Amino acid sequence: MYDIIIIGGGPAGMACAIYAARYRLKTLVLSSADGGVMAEAHKIENYPGIKSITGMEITQKMKEHVSAFDVDFKQMTVRTIQKKKDSFVVSDDNMLFEGKFLVLAIGMEKRRSDIKGEDKLLGKGISYCATCDAFFFKDKTVAVIGGSDAAVTAALLLAEKGKKVYLIYRKDKLRAEPIWVEKIEKNPKVEIIYKANVVETMGKESLEKIKLDTGRELEVEGLFVEIGQVPSAALAKEAGVKLDKEGYIIVDESMKTNVDRVYAAGDITTGSDKFRQVITAAAEGAIAAFSVFKELNKSK
């Protein structure tokens, strides 16, 4: 029996684990992928004390920090949550674990596009992870869809490797942090195309061309989709917690949900004004651990 089971291995889950361990709570972290969305970041330059770091590097540092404590860390995808009288049983197809408290730090999922021809060419030139796949597009011409921090940093990474990058955004102004916008606008390898959407991808064995709704066609060998994220709501619904109209878990200032002994932290919550950053996710994870610690002590 664990005191706390944390579902999710991103910054919220790992910060929660560190704090829970320091409070001497018997702690289990269940995660399908270390780092979550953070691990895919090309560069993180706004985490205090670290001037610049890749998402994978900060993921490894956080995992090492967690591993320094008496925390069980299992790689698994939680599929079911069963509420008992004074505990919860979480399981996948093979393993099950029981805990007194749950913290849902399940993060976000990449928003999928509905571009014609995408299904046929996914993995054959079309990608949802520039950090994972940029290496394969050295000296090639590629395109990135989106205008957020993720899209702009993906374009900068691809420009380091490739010959030319088209950054295609449906609005007339990028919504990334100003410092990223300044960098992308100064990069000679990047051409920003505003007020346009990719409507079709073409190619026989791999991606050869994309078509925009302006009528323009671009010859590219890679297309990276960075059009935002949506909450991972399925497991939250399984736990019976209340969601807002956008699918985020509703929490109070202690990170508590409407379900007794279930807390949530990170990008999935309505906390921190939905300012989805590594630093806010980690803060929410710390608060959730402290809240569980206080509630456990009340019952003793």
C-alpha atoms as a PDB file:
ATOM      1  CA  MET A   1       0.000   0.000   0.000  1.00  0.00           C
ATOM      2  CA  TYR A   2       1.462   3.338  -1.102  1.00  0.00           C
ATOM      3  CA  ASP A   3       0.694   6.628   0.601  1.00  0.00           C
ATOM      4  CA  ILE A   4       0.637   8.381  -2.780  1.00  0.00           C
ATOM      5  CA  ILE A   5       0.515   7.184  -6.370  1.00  0.00           C
ATOM      6  CA  ILE A   6       1.527   9.795  -8.931  1.00  0.00           C
ATOM      7  CA  ILE A   7       0.389   9.160 -12.482  1.00  0.00           C
ATOM      8  CA  GLY A   8       2.673  11.001 -14.897  1.00  0.00           C
ATOM      9  CA  GLY A   9       6.430  11.493 -15.196  1.00  0.00           C
ATOM     10  CA  GLY A  10       6.628  15.072 -16.436  1.00  0.00           C
ATOM     11  CA  PRO A  11       7.821  18.023 -14.327  1.00  0.00           C
ATOM     12  CA  ALA A  12       4.640  18.015 -12.216  1.00  0.00           C
ATOM     13  CA  GLY A  13       4.870  14.313 -11.452  1.00  0.00           C
ATOM     14  CA  MET A  14       8.586  14.352 -10.705  1.00  0.00           C
ATOM     15  CA  ALA A  15       8.417  17.453  -8.504  1.00  0.00           C
ATOM     16  CA  CYS A  16       5.514  15.854  -6.640  1.00  0.00           C
ATOM     17  CA  ALA A  17       7.594  12.708  -6.130  1.00  0.00           C
ATOM     18  CA  ILE A  18      10.595  14.657  -4.795  1.00  0.00           C
ATOM     19  CA  TYR A  19       8.477  16.539  -2.267  1.00  0.00           C
ATOM     20  CA  ALA A  20       6.469  13.444  -1.277  1.00  0.00           C
ATOM     21  CA  ALA A  21       9.687  11.513  -0.653  1.00  0.00           C
ATOM     22  CA  ARG A  22      11.081  14.337   1.485  1.00  0.00           C
ATOM     23  CA  TYR A  23       7.850  14.193   3.514  1.00  0.00           C
ATOM     24  CA  ARG A  24       8.643  10.471   3.969  1.00  0.00           C
ATOM     25  CA  LEU A  25       5.541   9.334   2.126  1.00  0.00           C
ATOM     26  CA  LYS A  26       5.670   5.915   0.497  1.00  0.00           C
ATOM     27  CA  THR A  27       5.618   7.042  -3.118  1.00  0.00           C
ATOM     28  CA  LEU A  28       5.044   5.445  -6.510  1.00  0.00           C
ATOM     29  CA  VAL A  29       5.350   7.179  -9.895  1.00  0.00           C
ATOM     30  CA  LEU A  30       3.700   5.543 -12.895  1.00  0.00           C
ATOM     31  CA  SER A  31       4.651   6.975 -16.274  1.00  0.00           C
ATOM     32  CA  SER A  32       4.493   5.824 -19.875  1.00  0.00           C
ATOM     33  CA  ALA A  33       7.249   8.261 -20.931  1.00  0.00           C
ATOM     34  CA  ASP A  34       9.694  10.219 -18.781  1.00  0.00           C
ATOM     35  CA  GLY A  35       9.411  13.976 -19.086  1.00  0.00           C
ATOM     36  CA  GLY A  36       6.155  14.135 -21.004  1.00  0.00           C
ATOM     37  CA  VAL A  37       5.962  17.045 -23.438  1.00  0.00           C
ATOM     38  CA  MET A  38       8.954  18.646 -21.697  1.00  0.00           C
ATOM     39  CA  ALA A  39      11.245  15.910 -23.023  1.00  0.00           C
ATOM     40  CA  GLU A  40      10.479  16.951 -26.603  1.00  0.00           C
ATOM     41  CA  ALA A  41      11.505  20.591 -26.131  1.00  0.00           C
ATOM     42  CA  HIS A  42      14.458  21.641 -28.278  1.00  0.00           C
ATOM     43  CA  LYS A  43      15.531  24.302 -25.778  1.00  0.00           C
ATOM     44  CA  ILE A  44      14.260  25.504 -22.425  1.00  0.00           C
ATOM     45  CA  GLU A  45      15.659  28.920 -21.522  1.00  0.00           C
ATOM     46  CA  ASN A  46      13.247  30.197 -18.853  1.00  0.00           C
ATOM     47  CA  TYR A  47      13.763  27.765 -15.970  1.00  0.00           C
ATOM     48  CA  PRO A  48      15.443  29.681 -13.115  1.00  0.00           C
ATOM     49  CA  GLY A  49      19.052  28.723 -12.513  1.00  0.00           C
ATOM     50  CA  ILE A  50      19.486  27.019 -15.880  1.00  0.00           C
ATOM     51  CA  LYS A  51      20.347  29.399 -18.700  1.00  0.00           C
ATOM     52  CA  SER A  52      19.683  26.941 -21.519  1.00  0.00           C
ATOM     53  CA  ILE A  53      18.966  23.212 -21.591  1.00  0.00           C
ATOM     54  CA  THR A  54      17.260  20.697 -23.845  1.00  0.00           C
ATOM     55  CA  GLY A  55      14.053  19.035 -22.767  1.00  0.00           C
ATOM     56  CA  MET A  56      15.720  15.639 -22.646  1.00  0.00           C
ATOM     57  CA  GLU A  57      18.580  16.934 -20.497  1.00  0.00           C
ATOM     58  CA  ILE A  58      16.301  18.507 -17.884  1.00  0.00           C
ATOM     59  CA  THR A  59      14.179  15.347 -17.914  1.00  0.00           C
ATOM     60  CA  GLN A  60      17.264  13.271 -17.094  1.00  0.00           C
ATOM     61  CA  LYS A  61      18.277  15.668 -14.311  1.00  0.00           C
ATOM     62  CA  MET A  62      14.808  15.520 -12.763  1.00  0.00           C
ATOM     63  CA  LYS A  63      14.729  11.726 -13.017  1.00  0.00           C
ATOM     64  CA  GLU A  64      18.146  11.526 -11.315  1.00  0.00           C
ATOM     65  CA  HIS A  65      16.845  13.777  -8.551  1.00  0.00           C
ATOM     66  CA  VAL A  66      13.804  11.528  -8.018  1.00  0.00           C
ATOM     67  CA  SER A  67      16.044   8.436  -8.062  1.00  0.00           C
ATOM     68  CA  ALA A  68      18.102   9.873  -5.196  1.00  0.00           C
ATOM     69  CA  PHE A  69      15.099   9.283  -2.911  1.00  0.00           C
ATOM     70  CA  ASP A  70      13.202   6.185  -1.873  1.00  0.00           C
ATOM     71  CA  VAL A  71      10.665   6.411  -4.717  1.00  0.00           C
ATOM     72  CA  ASP A  72       9.358   3.551  -6.831  1.00  0.00           C
ATOM     73  CA  PHE A  73       9.254   4.501 -10.510  1.00  0.00           C
ATOM     74  CA  LYS A  74       7.454   2.156 -12.912  1.00  0.00           C
ATOM     75  CA  GLN A  75       7.085   2.572 -16.659  1.00  0.00           C
ATOM     76  CA  MET A  76       3.502   1.733 -17.527  1.00  0.00           C
ATOM     77  CA  THR A  77       0.383   3.216 -19.076  1.00  0.00           C
ATOM     78  CA  VAL A  78      -2.399   3.335 -16.503  1.00  0.00           C
ATOM     79  CA  ARG A  79      -5.640   2.155 -18.075  1.00  0.00           C
ATOM     80  CA  THR A  80      -8.027   1.780 -15.141  1.00  0.00           C
ATOM     81  CA  ILE A  81      -8.586   3.446 -11.774  1.00  0.00           C
ATOM     82  CA  GLN A  82     -10.787   1.668  -9.252  1.00  0.00           C
ATOM     83  CA  LYS A  83     -11.935   3.529  -6.154  1.00  0.00           C
ATOM     84  CA  LYS A  84     -12.198   1.461  -2.982  1.00  0.00           C
ATOM     85  CA  LYS A  85     -13.357   2.596   0.459  1.00  0.00           C
ATOM     86  CA  ASP A  86     -10.035   4.072   1.623  1.00  0.00           C
ATOM     87  CA  SER A  87      -7.750   3.597  -1.377  1.00  0.00           C
ATOM     88  CA  PHE A  88      -7.401   3.437  -5.154  1.00  0.00           C
ATOM     89  CA  VAL A  89      -6.267   0.577  -7.347  1.00  0.00           C
ATOM     90  CA  VAL A  90      -4.602   1.572 -10.605  1.00  0.00           C
ATOM     91  CA  SER A  91      -3.654  -0.909 -13.304  1.00  0.00           C
ATOM     92  CA  ASP A  92      -2.668  -1.589 -16.875  1.00  0.00           C
ATOM     93  CA  ASP A  93      -3.141  -4.959 -18.578  1.00  0.00           C
ATOM     94  CA  ASN A  94      -0.522  -6.710 -16.419  1.00  0.00           C
ATOM     95  CA  MET A  95       0.206  -4.840 -13.173  1.00  0.00           C
ATOM     96  CA  LEU A  96      -1.852  -3.217 -10.443  1.00  0.00           C
ATOM     97  CA  PHE A  97      -0.917  -0.995  -7.509  1.00  0.00           C
ATOM     98  CA  GLU A  98      -2.839   0.370  -4.552  1.00  0.00           C
ATOM     99  CA  GLY A  99      -2.482   3.742  -2.885  1.00  0.00           C
ATOM    100  CA  LYS A 100      -4.254   5.950  -0.352  1.00  0.00           C
ATOM    101  CA  PHE A 101      -3.988   9.120  -2.473  1.00  0.00           C
ATOM    102  CA  LEU A 102      -3.755   9.809  -6.192  1.00  0.00           C
ATOM    103  CA  VAL A 103      -2.087  12.702  -8.001  1.00  0.00           C
ATOM    104  CA  LEU A 104      -3.005  13.003 -11.663  1.00  0.00           C
ATOM    105  CA  ALA A 105      -0.090  14.656 -13.472  1.00  0.00           C
ATOM    106  CA  ILE A 106      -1.097  13.274 -16.854  1.00  0.00           C
ATOM    107  CA  GLY A 107      -0.263  16.280 -18.995  1.00  0.00           C
ATOM    108  CA  MET A 108      -1.367  17.047 -22.524  1.00  0.00           C
ATOM    109  CA  GLU A 109      -1.571  15.328 -25.891  1.00  0.00           C
ATOM    110  CA  LYS A 110      -0.505  16.771 -29.246  1.00  0.00           C
ATOM    111  CA  ARG A 111      -3.413  18.237 -31.165  1.00  0.00           C
ATOM    112  CA  ARG A 112      -3.890  16.267 -34.360  1.00  0.00           C
ATOM    113  CA  SER A 113      -4.456  17.880 -37.732  1.00  0.00           C
ATOM    114  CA  ASP A 114      -7.004  16.852 -40.353  1.00  0.00           C
ATOM    115  CA  ILE A 115      -4.843  17.539 -43.403  1.00  0.00           C
ATOM    116  CA  LYS A 116      -5.724  15.564 -46.496  1.00  0.00           C
ATOM    117  CA  GLY A 117      -3.203  12.768 -47.095  1.00  0.00           C
ATOM    118  CA  GLU A 118      -1.636  12.942 -43.623  1.00  0.00           C
ATOM    119  CA  ASP A 119      -2.526   9.390 -42.590  1.00  0.00           C
ATOM    120  CA  LYS A 120      -0.756   7.962 -45.625  1.00  0.00           C
ATOM    121  CA  LEU A 121       2.464   9.935 -45.046  1.00  0.00           C
ATOM    122  CA  LEU A 122       2.660  10.002 -41.248  1.00  0.00           C
ATOM    123  CA  GLY A 123       6.159   8.792 -40.401  1.00  0.00           C
ATOM    124  CA  LYS A 124       7.151   9.170 -44.042  1.00  0.00           C
ATOM    125  CA  GLY A 125       7.936  12.868 -43.903  1.00  0.00           C
ATOM    126  CA  ILE A 126       5.175  14.024 -41.562  1.00  0.00           C
ATOM    127  CA  SER A 127       6.096  14.247 -37.884  1.00  0.00           C
ATOM    128  CA  TYR A 128       4.717  15.550 -34.598  1.00  0.00           C
ATOM    129  CA  CYS A 129       8.134  15.760 -32.895  1.00  0.00           C
ATOM    130  CA  ALA A 130      10.924  17.910 -34.302  1.00  0.00           C
ATOM    131  CA  THR A 131      13.280  16.980 -31.466  1.00  0.00           C
ATOM    132  CA  CYS A 132      12.801  13.298 -32.279  1.00  0.00           C
ATOM    133  CA  ASP A 133      13.092  13.538 -36.059  1.00  0.00           C
ATOM    134  CA  ALA A 134      15.116  16.649 -36.999  1.00  0.00           C
ATOM    135  CA  PHE A 135      18.245  14.530 -37.503  1.00  0.00           C
ATOM    136  CA  PHE A 136      16.627  12.777 -40.478  1.00  0.00           C
ATOM    137  CA  PHE A 137      16.144  16.057 -42.361  1.00  0.00           C
ATOM    138  CA  LYS A 138      19.724  17.305 -42.559  1.00  0.00           C
ATOM    139  CA  ASP A 139      20.223  19.551 -45.611  1.00  0.00           C
ATOM    140  CA  LYS A 140      16.561  19.174 -46.598  1.00  0.00           C
ATOM    141  CA  THR A 141      13.686  21.627 -47.059  1.00  0.00           C
ATOM    142  CA  VAL A 142      10.918  21.254 -44.500  1.00  0.00           C
ATOM    143  CA  ALA A 143       7.842  23.058 -43.182  1.00  0.00           C
ATOM    144  CA  VAL A 144       6.448  23.646 -39.706  1.00  0.00           C
ATOM    145  CA  ILE A 145       2.787  24.363 -38.962  1.00  0.00           C
ATOM    146  CA  GLY A 146       1.990  26.608 -35.993  1.00  0.00           C
ATOM    147  CA  GLY A 147       2.810  29.896 -34.303  1.00  0.00           C
ATOM    148  CA  SER A 148       3.457  28.959 -30.666  1.00  0.00           C
ATOM    149  CA  ASP A 149       6.707  28.547 -28.737  1.00  0.00           C
ATOM    150  CA  ALA A 150       6.741  24.877 -29.755  1.00  0.00           C
ATOM    151  CA  ALA A 151       6.381  25.695 -33.457  1.00  0.00           C
ATOM    152  CA  VAL A 152       8.973  28.465 -33.458  1.00  0.00           C
ATOM    153  CA  THR A 153      11.578  26.483 -31.501  1.00  0.00           C
ATOM    154  CA  ALA A 154      10.955  23.497 -33.794  1.00  0.00           C
ATOM    155  CA  ALA A 155      11.607  25.738 -36.803  1.00  0.00           C
ATOM    156  CA  LEU A 156      14.834  27.027 -35.232  1.00  0.00           C
ATOM    157  CA  LEU A 157      16.025  23.487 -34.545  1.00  0.00           C
ATOM    158  CA  LEU A 158      15.219  22.374 -38.096  1.00  0.00           C
ATOM    159  CA  ALA A 159      17.008  25.424 -39.483  1.00  0.00           C
ATOM    160  CA  GLU A 160      20.165  24.272 -37.671  1.00  0.00           C
ATOM    161  CA  LYS A 161      19.994  20.942 -39.500  1.00  0.00           C
ATOM    162  CA  GLY A 162      18.264  21.696 -42.780  1.00  0.00           C
ATOM    163  CA  LYS A 163      18.562  23.797 -45.891  1.00  0.00           C
ATOM    164  CA  LYS A 164      15.322  25.788 -45.613  1.00  0.00           C
ATOM    165  CA  VAL A 165      12.321  25.954 -43.287  1.00  0.00           C
ATOM    166  CA  TYR A 166       8.852  27.298 -44.030  1.00  0.00           C
ATOM    167  CA  LEU A 167       6.967  28.340 -40.897  1.00  0.00           C
ATOM    168  CA  ILE A 168       3.274  28.359 -41.764  1.00  0.00           C
ATOM    169  CA  TYR A 169       0.788  30.061 -39.435  1.00  0.00           C
ATOM    170  CA  ARG A 170      -2.901  30.700 -39.905  1.00  0.00           C
ATOM    171  CA  LYS A 171      -2.859  34.127 -38.224  1.00  0.00           C
ATOM    172  CA  ASP A 172      -0.992  37.349 -39.055  1.00  0.00           C
ATOM    173  CA  LYS A 173       1.275  37.361 -35.996  1.00  0.00           C
ATOM    174  CA  LEU A 174       3.230  34.646 -34.160  1.00  0.00           C
ATOM    175  CA  ARG A 175       2.119  34.021 -30.563  1.00  0.00           C
ATOM    176  CA  ALA A 176       5.460  32.731 -29.274  1.00  0.00           C
ATOM    177  CA  GLU A 177       7.514  34.546 -26.648  1.00  0.00           C
ATOM    178  CA  PRO A 178       8.979  37.762 -28.122  1.00  0.00           C
ATOM    179  CA  ILE A 179      12.549  36.484 -27.664  1.00  0.00           C
ATOM    180  CA  TRP A 180      11.767  33.448 -29.869  1.00  0.00           C
ATOM    181  CA  VAL A 181      10.022  35.634 -32.432  1.00  0.00           C
ATOM    182  CA  GLU A 182      13.084  37.870 -32.668  1.00  0.00           C
ATOM    183  CA  LYS A 183      15.313  34.864 -33.273  1.00  0.00           C
ATOM    184  CA  ILE A 184      13.091  33.319 -35.943  1.00  0.00           C
ATOM    185  CA  GLU A 185      12.655  36.595 -37.827  1.00  0.00           C
ATOM    186  CA  LYS A 186      16.429  37.039 -38.001  1.00  0.00           C
ATOM    187  CA  ASN A 187      17.118  33.499 -39.225  1.00  0.00           C
ATOM    188  CA  PRO A 188      17.969  33.570 -42.956  1.00  0.00           C
ATOM    189  CA  LYS A 189      16.942  29.944 -43.437  1.00  0.00           C
ATOM    190  CA  VAL A 190      13.372  30.508 -42.254  1.00  0.00           C
ATOM    191  CA  GLU A 191      10.529  31.896 -44.373  1.00  0.00           C
ATOM    192  CA  ILE A 192       7.400  32.748 -42.372  1.00  0.00           C
ATOM    193  CA  ILE A 193       4.120  32.378 -44.259  1.00  0.00           C
ATOM    194  CA  TYR A 194       1.219  34.094 -42.490  1.00  0.00           C
ATOM    195  CA  LYS A 195      -2.534  33.704 -43.018  1.00  0.00           C
ATOM    196  CA  ALA A 196      -2.206  30.249 -44.533  1.00  0.00           C
ATOM    197  CA  ASN A 197      -3.147  26.659 -43.716  1.00  0.00           C
ATOM    198  CA  VAL A 198      -1.805  23.401 -45.075  1.00  0.00           C
ATOM    199  CA  VAL A 199      -4.753  21.623 -46.691  1.00  0.00           C
ATOM    200  CA  GLU A 200      -3.100  18.711 -48.491  1.00  0.00           C
ATOM    201  CA  THR A 201       0.076  16.632 -48.425  1.00  0.00           C
ATOM    202  CA  MET A 202       1.327  14.838 -51.523  1.00  0.00           C
ATOM    203  CA  GLY A 203       3.857  12.127 -52.252  1.00  0.00           C
ATOM    204  CA  LYS A 204       4.073   8.513 -53.366  1.00  0.00           C
ATOM    205  CA  GLU A 205       6.429   6.758 -50.961  1.00  0.00           C
ATOM    206  CA  SER A 206       7.274   9.818 -48.862  1.00  0.00           C
ATOM    207  CA  LEU A 207       6.298  13.481 -48.583  1.00  0.00           C
ATOM    208  CA  GLU A 208       7.128  15.518 -51.688  1.00  0.00           C
ATOM    209  CA  LYS A 209       4.842  18.542 -51.631  1.00  0.00           C
ATOM    210  CA  ILE A 210       2.269  20.412 -49.547  1.00  0.00           C
ATOM    211  CA  LYS A 211      -0.591  22.613 -50.693  1.00  0.00           C
ATOM    212  CA  LEU A 212      -1.792  25.736 -48.868  1.00  0.00           C
ATOM    213  CA  ASP A 213      -5.305  27.160 -48.832  1.00  0.00           C
ATOM    214  CA  THR A 214      -3.880  30.219 -50.598  1.00  0.00           C
ATOM    215  CA  GLY A 215      -3.262  27.999 -53.614  1.00  0.00           C
ATOM    216  CA  ARG A 216       0.495  28.002 -53.171  1.00  0.00           C
ATOM    217  CA  GLU A 217       2.342  24.678 -53.356  1.00  0.00           C
ATOM    218  CA  LEU A 218       5.671  24.040 -51.615  1.00  0.00           C
ATOM    219  CA  GLU A 219       8.150  21.286 -52.357  1.00  0.00           C
ATOM    220  CA  VAL A 220       9.222  19.906 -48.980  1.00  0.00           C
ATOM    221  CA  GLU A 221      10.547  16.612 -47.684  1.00  0.00           C
ATOM    222  CA  GLY A 222       9.335  17.101 -44.129  1.00  0.00           C
ATOM    223  CA  LEU A 223       6.276  18.565 -42.416  1.00  0.00           C
ATOM    224  CA  PHE A 224       6.212  19.097 -38.642  1.00  0.00           C
ATOM    225  CA  VAL A 225       2.841  19.689 -36.992  1.00  0.00           C
ATOM    226  CA  GLU A 226       2.963  21.966 -33.927  1.00  0.00           C
ATOM    227  CA  ILE A 227      -0.618  23.210 -33.590  1.00  0.00           C
ATOM    228  CA  GLY A 228      -0.965  22.985 -29.838  1.00  0.00           C
ATOM    229  CA  GLN A 229      -2.063  20.466 -27.262  1.00  0.00           C
ATOM    230  CA  VAL A 230      -5.265  19.184 -25.714  1.00  0.00           C
ATOM    231  CA  PRO A 231      -5.800  17.789 -22.192  1.00  0.00           C
ATOM    232  CA  SER A 232      -5.381  14.035 -21.703  1.00  0.00           C
ATOM    233  CA  ALA A 233      -8.925  13.738 -20.412  1.00  0.00           C
ATOM    234  CA  ALA A 234      -9.617   9.984 -20.659  1.00  0.00           C
ATOM    235  CA  LEU A 235      -7.922   8.937 -17.420  1.00  0.00           C
ATOM    236  CA  ALA A 236      -9.295  11.957 -15.591  1.00  0.00           C
ATOM    237  CA  LYS A 237     -12.812  10.857 -16.530  1.00  0.00           C
ATOM    238  CA  GLU A 238     -11.949   7.343 -15.356  1.00  0.00           C
ATOM    239  CA  ALA A 239     -11.120   8.810 -11.939  1.00  0.00           C
ATOM    240  CA  GLY A 240     -14.456  10.644 -11.867  1.00  0.00           C
ATOM    241  CA  VAL A 241     -12.986  14.144 -11.500  1.00  0.00           C
ATOM    242  CA  LYS A 242     -14.755  17.217 -12.808  1.00  0.00           C
ATOM    243  CA  LEU A 243     -13.413  18.885 -15.952  1.00  0.00           C
ATOM    244  CA  ASP A 244     -14.008  22.370 -17.319  1.00  0.00           C
ATOM    245  CA  LYS A 245     -15.511  22.875 -20.772  1.00  0.00           C
ATOM    246  CA  GLU A 246     -12.060  22.600 -22.399  1.00  0.00           C
ATOM    247  CA  GLY A 247     -11.271  19.303 -20.676  1.00  0.00           C
ATOM    248  CA  TYR A 248      -8.920  20.538 -17.921  1.00  0.00           C
ATOM    249  CA  ILE A 249      -9.155  19.080 -14.414  1.00  0.00           C
ATOM    250  CA  ILE A 250     -10.736  21.580 -12.026  1.00  0.00           C
ATOM    251  CA  VAL A 251      -8.586  22.043  -8.910  1.00  0.00           C
ATOM    252  CA  ASP A 252      -8.609  24.348  -5.914  1.00  0.00           C
ATOM    253  CA  GLU A 253      -5.561  26.165  -4.519  1.00  0.00           C
ATOM    254  CA  SER A 254      -4.366  22.941  -2.853  1.00  0.00           C
ATOM    255  CA  MET A 255      -4.560  21.042  -6.188  1.00  0.00           C
ATOM    256  CA  LYS A 256      -7.504  19.028  -4.847  1.00  0.00           C
ATOM    257  CA  THR A 257     -10.179  17.783  -7.234  1.00  0.00           C
ATOM    258  CA  ASN A 258     -13.846  17.120  -6.488  1.00  0.00           C
ATOM    259  CA  VAL A 259     -13.012  13.478  -5.684  1.00  0.00           C
ATOM    260  CA  ASP A 260     -11.861  12.795  -2.146  1.00  0.00           C
ATOM    261  CA  ARG A 261      -8.105  12.010  -1.952  1.00  0.00           C
ATOM    262  CA  VAL A 262      -7.540  12.751  -5.635  1.00  0.00           C
ATOM    263  CA  TYR A 263      -5.280  15.669  -6.558  1.00  0.00           C
ATOM    264  CA  ALA A 264      -3.994  16.888  -9.913  1.00  0.00           C
ATOM    265  CA  ALA A 265      -0.983  18.911 -11.042  1.00  0.00           C
ATOM    266  CA  GLY A 266       0.620  20.355 -14.144  1.00  0.00           C
ATOM    267  CA  ASP A 267      -0.611  21.190 -17.623  1.00  0.00           C
ATOM    268  CA  ILE A 268      -3.792  19.144 -17.194  1.00  0.00           C
ATOM    269  CA  THR A 269      -5.238  21.426 -14.480  1.00  0.00           C
ATOM    270  CA  THR A 270      -7.061  24.741 -14.305  1.00  0.00           C
ATOM    271  CA  GLY A 271      -4.356  25.941 -11.892  1.00  0.00           C
ATOM    272  CA  SER A 272      -1.679  28.584 -12.558  1.00  0.00           C
ATOM    273  CA  ASP A 273      -4.075  30.398 -14.901  1.00  0.00           C
ATOM    274  CA  LYS A 274      -3.420  27.557 -17.392  1.00  0.00           C
ATOM    275  CA  PHE A 275       0.057  28.983 -17.928  1.00  0.00           C
ATOM    276  CA  ARG A 276       1.562  25.733 -19.154  1.00  0.00           C
ATOM    277  CA  GLN A 277       5.247  25.993 -18.285  1.00  0.00           C
ATOM    278  CA  VAL A 278       7.794  23.668 -16.689  1.00  0.00           C
ATOM    279  CA  ILE A 279       8.080  25.956 -13.675  1.00  0.00           C
ATOM    280  CA  THR A 280       4.322  26.125 -13.020  1.00  0.00           C
ATOM    281  CA  ALA A 281       3.924  22.376 -13.487  1.00  0.00           C
ATOM    282  CA  ALA A 282       6.688  21.695 -10.975  1.00  0.00           C
ATOM    283  CA  ALA A 283       5.147  24.157  -8.511  1.00  0.00           C
ATOM    284  CA  GLU A 284       1.761  22.476  -8.746  1.00  0.00           C
ATOM    285  CA  GLY A 285       3.386  19.079  -8.186  1.00  0.00           C
ATOM    286  CA  ALA A 286       5.056  20.384  -5.031  1.00  0.00           C
ATOM    287  CA  ILE A 287       1.775  21.837  -3.751  1.00  0.00           C
ATOM    288  CA  ALA A 288      -0.055  18.559  -4.412  1.00  0.00           C
ATOM    289  CA  ALA A 289       2.533  16.594  -2.399  1.00  0.00           C
ATOM    290  CA  PHE A 290       2.311  19.062   0.490  1.00  0.00           C
ATOM    291  CA  SER A 291      -1.489  18.854   0.438  1.00  0.00           C
ATOM    292  CA  VAL A 292      -1.415  15.046   0.583  1.00  0.00           C
ATOM    293  CA  PHE A 293       1.097  15.194   3.443  1.00  0.00           C
ATOM    294  CA  LYS A 294      -1.164  17.522   5.429  1.00  0.00           C
ATOM    295  CA  GLU A 295      -4.251  15.416   4.789  1.00  0.00           C
ATOM    296  CA  LEU A 296      -2.489  12.202   5.810  1.00  0.00           C
ATOM    297  CA  ASN A 297      -1.325  13.826   9.052  1.00  0.00           C
ATOM    298  CA  LYS A 298      -4.875  14.924   9.848  1.00  0.00           C
ATOM    299  CA  SER A 299      -6.045  11.327   9.798  1.00  0.00           C
ATOM    300  CA  LYS A 300      -3.327  10.127  12.194  1.00  0.00           C
END
